[in-house]
Amino acid sequence: MTRLTRGYVQVYTGTGKGKTTAALGLALRAALSGLSVFIGQFMKGSDYAELAMADIPFAGLTGGKVLISQYGTPRLICQGEKPTDDDRSMARAGLVDITGRLASGETDVIIADEILVTVHFGLLGTLDVLDLMKRRPDHVELVLTGRGAPPEVVERADLVTDMRNVRHYYDTLGVLARRGIEH
């Protein structure tokens, strides 16, 4: 079985498109290299195309595998909606799940998709994310995505990519999320 000898903390943040897409690309590359990958999607509870990654027979190709869990409801919290107790509970359950997976040391790459957005909406705190980073075993790659990464998280991460929005067709043409491209 392939294992990483050294893992790092990566952060994909910023106002531009591509944070989750970059993390999914890393997941695909890792799985095709024989690494085990877990993707925990915070604030997502609907049928995103990437959920099918768990059904791809990476194990038949190289020994890698991808597992995905969602910690969110089908509704989005993005345009002034107030988070509910369910939203907070699901985010907390996701944090507990990912903390447990880190503690086991059995997964090579753990992606906490949109976890940084949970901090922005008050579902989790900055200290929760910092604690997660601190609990990462040396051989595990931890990827955190979402807009608005707290400065403390940015400071402690090993790699930070800030995706800047230069132009987006939602803003200019009103194009909503499209299946296979953004959803």
Protein backbone atom coordinates (compact mmCIF):
# COMPACT_ATOMS: atom_id res chain seq x y z
CA MET A 1 0.00 0.00 0.00
CA THR A 2 1.25 3.47 -0.90
CA ARG A 3 1.65 5.93 1.98
CA LEU A 4 2.89 9.48 2.24
CA THR A 5 6.09 9.86 4.21
CA ARG A 6 5.24 13.48 5.00
CA GLY A 7 1.95 15.30 4.75
CA TYR A 8 1.18 19.01 4.84
CA VAL A 9 -1.74 21.37 5.39
CA GLN A 10 -3.07 22.99 2.23
CA VAL A 11 -5.59 25.84 2.15
CA TYR A 12 -7.59 26.84 -0.94
CA THR A 13 -9.40 30.10 -0.24
CA GLY A 14 -10.43 33.34 -1.91
CA THR A 15 -13.36 34.82 -3.80
CA GLY A 16 -12.64 33.06 -7.09
CA LYS A 17 -14.04 29.85 -8.51
CA GLY A 18 -12.00 26.68 -8.24
CA LYS A 19 -11.35 25.88 -4.58
CA THR A 20 -13.36 22.66 -4.47
CA THR A 21 -12.35 21.85 -8.03
CA ALA A 22 -8.66 22.05 -7.08
CA ALA A 23 -9.23 19.82 -4.05
CA LEU A 24 -11.12 17.28 -6.19
CA GLY A 25 -8.28 17.27 -8.69
CA LEU A 26 -5.85 16.54 -5.87
CA ALA A 27 -8.17 13.74 -4.67
CA LEU A 28 -8.21 12.17 -8.13
CA ARG A 29 -4.43 12.39 -8.47
CA ALA A 30 -3.91 10.91 -4.99
CA ALA A 31 -6.34 8.03 -5.58
CA LEU A 32 -4.77 7.22 -8.95
CA SER A 33 -1.41 7.11 -7.15
CA GLY A 34 -2.72 4.50 -4.72
CA LEU A 35 -3.46 6.79 -1.77
CA SER A 36 -6.64 6.63 0.28
CA VAL A 37 -8.70 9.82 0.23
CA PHE A 38 -11.55 11.08 2.37
CA ILE A 39 -13.60 14.11 1.33
CA GLY A 40 -15.86 15.66 3.94
CA GLN A 41 -18.16 18.27 2.41
CA PHE A 42 -19.38 20.87 4.88
CA MET A 43 -22.58 22.83 4.18
CA LYS A 44 -23.38 20.54 1.25
CA GLY A 45 -26.21 18.06 1.37
CA SER A 46 -27.39 17.70 -2.20
CA ASP A 47 -26.39 15.60 -5.19
CA TYR A 48 -23.07 17.02 -6.36
CA ALA A 49 -21.44 15.18 -9.28
CA GLU A 50 -18.28 14.42 -7.31
CA LEU A 51 -20.22 12.04 -5.05
CA ALA A 52 -19.80 9.51 -7.86
CA MET A 53 -16.03 9.47 -7.19
CA ALA A 54 -16.70 6.99 -4.40
CA ASP A 55 -18.03 4.55 -7.02
CA ILE A 56 -15.01 4.72 -9.33
CA PRO A 57 -12.90 1.54 -9.05
CA PHE A 58 -9.62 3.22 -8.12
CA ALA A 59 -8.84 0.14 -6.03
CA GLY A 60 -8.91 -1.98 -9.19
CA LEU A 61 -6.42 0.36 -10.84
CA THR A 62 -3.86 1.26 -8.18
CA GLY A 63 -5.09 0.42 -4.69
CA GLY A 64 -6.39 3.92 -3.99
CA LYS A 65 -9.88 4.76 -2.85
CA VAL A 66 -12.08 7.81 -2.28
CA LEU A 67 -14.74 8.07 0.39
CA ILE A 68 -17.10 11.05 0.60
CA SER A 69 -19.46 12.26 3.33
CA GLN A 70 -21.62 15.35 3.42
CA TYR A 71 -22.34 17.46 6.50
CA GLY A 72 -25.07 19.78 5.38
CA THR A 73 -28.67 20.16 4.36
CA PRO A 74 -29.85 20.55 0.75
CA ARG A 75 -30.51 24.25 1.30
CA LEU A 76 -27.73 26.77 0.84
CA ILE A 77 -26.71 29.39 3.38
CA CYS A 78 -25.35 32.11 1.17
CA GLN A 79 -27.66 35.06 0.74
CA GLY A 80 -28.42 36.27 4.23
CA GLU A 81 -30.20 33.15 5.49
CA LYS A 82 -29.66 32.47 9.18
CA PRO A 83 -27.95 29.18 10.05
CA THR A 84 -30.21 26.77 11.92
CA ASP A 85 -29.48 24.41 14.79
CA ASP A 86 -29.45 21.62 12.18
CA ASP A 87 -26.73 23.46 10.24
CA ARG A 88 -24.63 23.84 13.38
CA SER A 89 -25.22 20.22 14.41
CA MET A 90 -24.23 18.87 11.01
CA ALA A 91 -21.07 20.98 10.91
CA ARG A 92 -20.15 19.77 14.40
CA ALA A 93 -20.79 16.13 13.34
CA GLY A 94 -18.49 16.68 10.37
CA LEU A 95 -15.77 18.08 12.60
CA VAL A 96 -16.06 15.06 14.91
CA ASP A 97 -15.93 12.67 11.94
CA ILE A 98 -12.87 14.28 10.39
CA THR A 99 -11.13 14.52 13.78
CA GLY A 100 -11.67 10.79 14.24
CA ARG A 101 -10.34 10.03 10.77
CA LEU A 102 -7.23 12.10 11.49
CA ALA A 103 -6.74 10.30 14.80
CA SER A 104 -6.91 6.90 13.13
CA GLY A 105 -4.08 7.82 10.74
CA GLU A 106 -5.54 5.37 8.21
CA THR A 107 -6.37 7.90 5.47
CA ASP A 108 -3.59 9.49 3.43
CA VAL A 109 -5.42 12.60 2.21
CA ILE A 110 -8.29 14.27 4.07
CA ILE A 111 -10.16 17.10 2.39
CA ALA A 112 -12.42 19.29 4.54
CA ASP A 113 -14.34 20.97 1.73
CA GLU A 114 -15.95 24.31 2.66
CA ILE A 115 -14.88 24.02 6.30
CA LEU A 116 -13.58 27.59 6.14
CA VAL A 117 -17.04 28.81 5.16
CA THR A 118 -18.46 27.22 8.31
CA VAL A 119 -16.27 29.59 10.32
CA HIS A 120 -17.58 32.57 8.37
CA PHE A 121 -21.18 31.57 9.16
CA GLY A 122 -20.44 30.75 12.81
CA LEU A 123 -21.16 27.03 12.51
CA LEU A 124 -17.64 26.23 13.69
CA GLY A 125 -14.95 28.44 15.18
CA THR A 126 -11.44 29.32 14.08
CA LEU A 127 -10.14 27.36 17.08
CA ASP A 128 -11.95 24.25 15.80
CA VAL A 129 -10.07 24.46 12.50
CA LEU A 130 -6.75 25.21 14.20
CA ASP A 131 -7.27 22.20 16.47
CA LEU A 132 -7.95 20.03 13.44
CA MET A 133 -4.70 21.22 11.88
CA LYS A 134 -2.82 20.47 15.09
CA ARG A 135 -4.24 16.93 15.28
CA ARG A 136 -3.03 16.01 11.77
CA PRO A 137 -0.59 13.10 11.88
CA ASP A 138 2.72 13.81 10.10
CA HIS A 139 1.96 11.40 7.23
CA VAL A 140 -1.51 12.80 6.42
CA GLU A 141 -2.19 15.56 3.88
CA LEU A 142 -4.98 17.85 5.14
CA VAL A 143 -6.74 20.13 2.65
CA LEU A 144 -9.06 22.91 3.84
CA THR A 145 -11.23 24.80 1.37
CA GLY A 146 -13.58 27.76 1.45
CA ARG A 147 -13.78 31.50 1.20
CA GLY A 148 -12.53 33.71 3.97
CA ALA A 149 -9.79 31.64 5.57
CA PRO A 150 -9.09 33.14 8.99
CA PRO A 151 -5.62 34.77 9.21
CA GLU A 152 -4.59 32.30 11.95
CA VAL A 153 -5.33 29.37 9.63
CA VAL A 154 -3.44 30.98 6.74
CA GLU A 155 -0.47 31.61 9.02
CA ARG A 156 -0.25 27.98 10.17
CA ALA A 157 -0.88 26.28 6.81
CA ASP A 158 2.02 24.94 4.75
CA LEU A 159 0.50 25.88 1.39
CA VAL A 160 -2.08 28.61 0.76
CA THR A 161 -3.70 29.35 -2.58
CA ASP A 162 -5.89 32.44 -2.74
CA MET A 163 -8.16 32.19 -5.75
CA ARG A 164 -9.07 35.69 -6.86
CA ASN A 165 -12.21 36.44 -8.84
CA VAL A 166 -11.31 38.48 -11.90
CA ARG A 167 -14.53 37.82 -13.82
CA HIS A 168 -17.31 35.30 -13.26
CA TYR A 169 -20.19 34.58 -15.62
CA TYR A 170 -22.61 34.63 -12.70
CA ASP A 171 -21.78 38.29 -12.10
CA THR A 172 -21.70 39.31 -15.76
CA LEU A 173 -24.34 37.03 -17.34
CA GLY A 174 -26.33 35.66 -14.39
CA VAL A 175 -25.25 32.06 -15.14
CA LEU A 176 -26.14 29.79 -12.22
CA ALA A 177 -24.18 26.71 -11.12
CA ARG A 178 -24.12 24.15 -13.91
CA ARG A 179 -24.07 20.36 -13.46
CA GLY A 180 -20.60 18.99 -14.15
CA ILE A 181 -18.95 22.41 -14.00
CA GLU A 182 -19.84 24.02 -10.64
CA HIS A 183 -22.23 21.40 -9.23
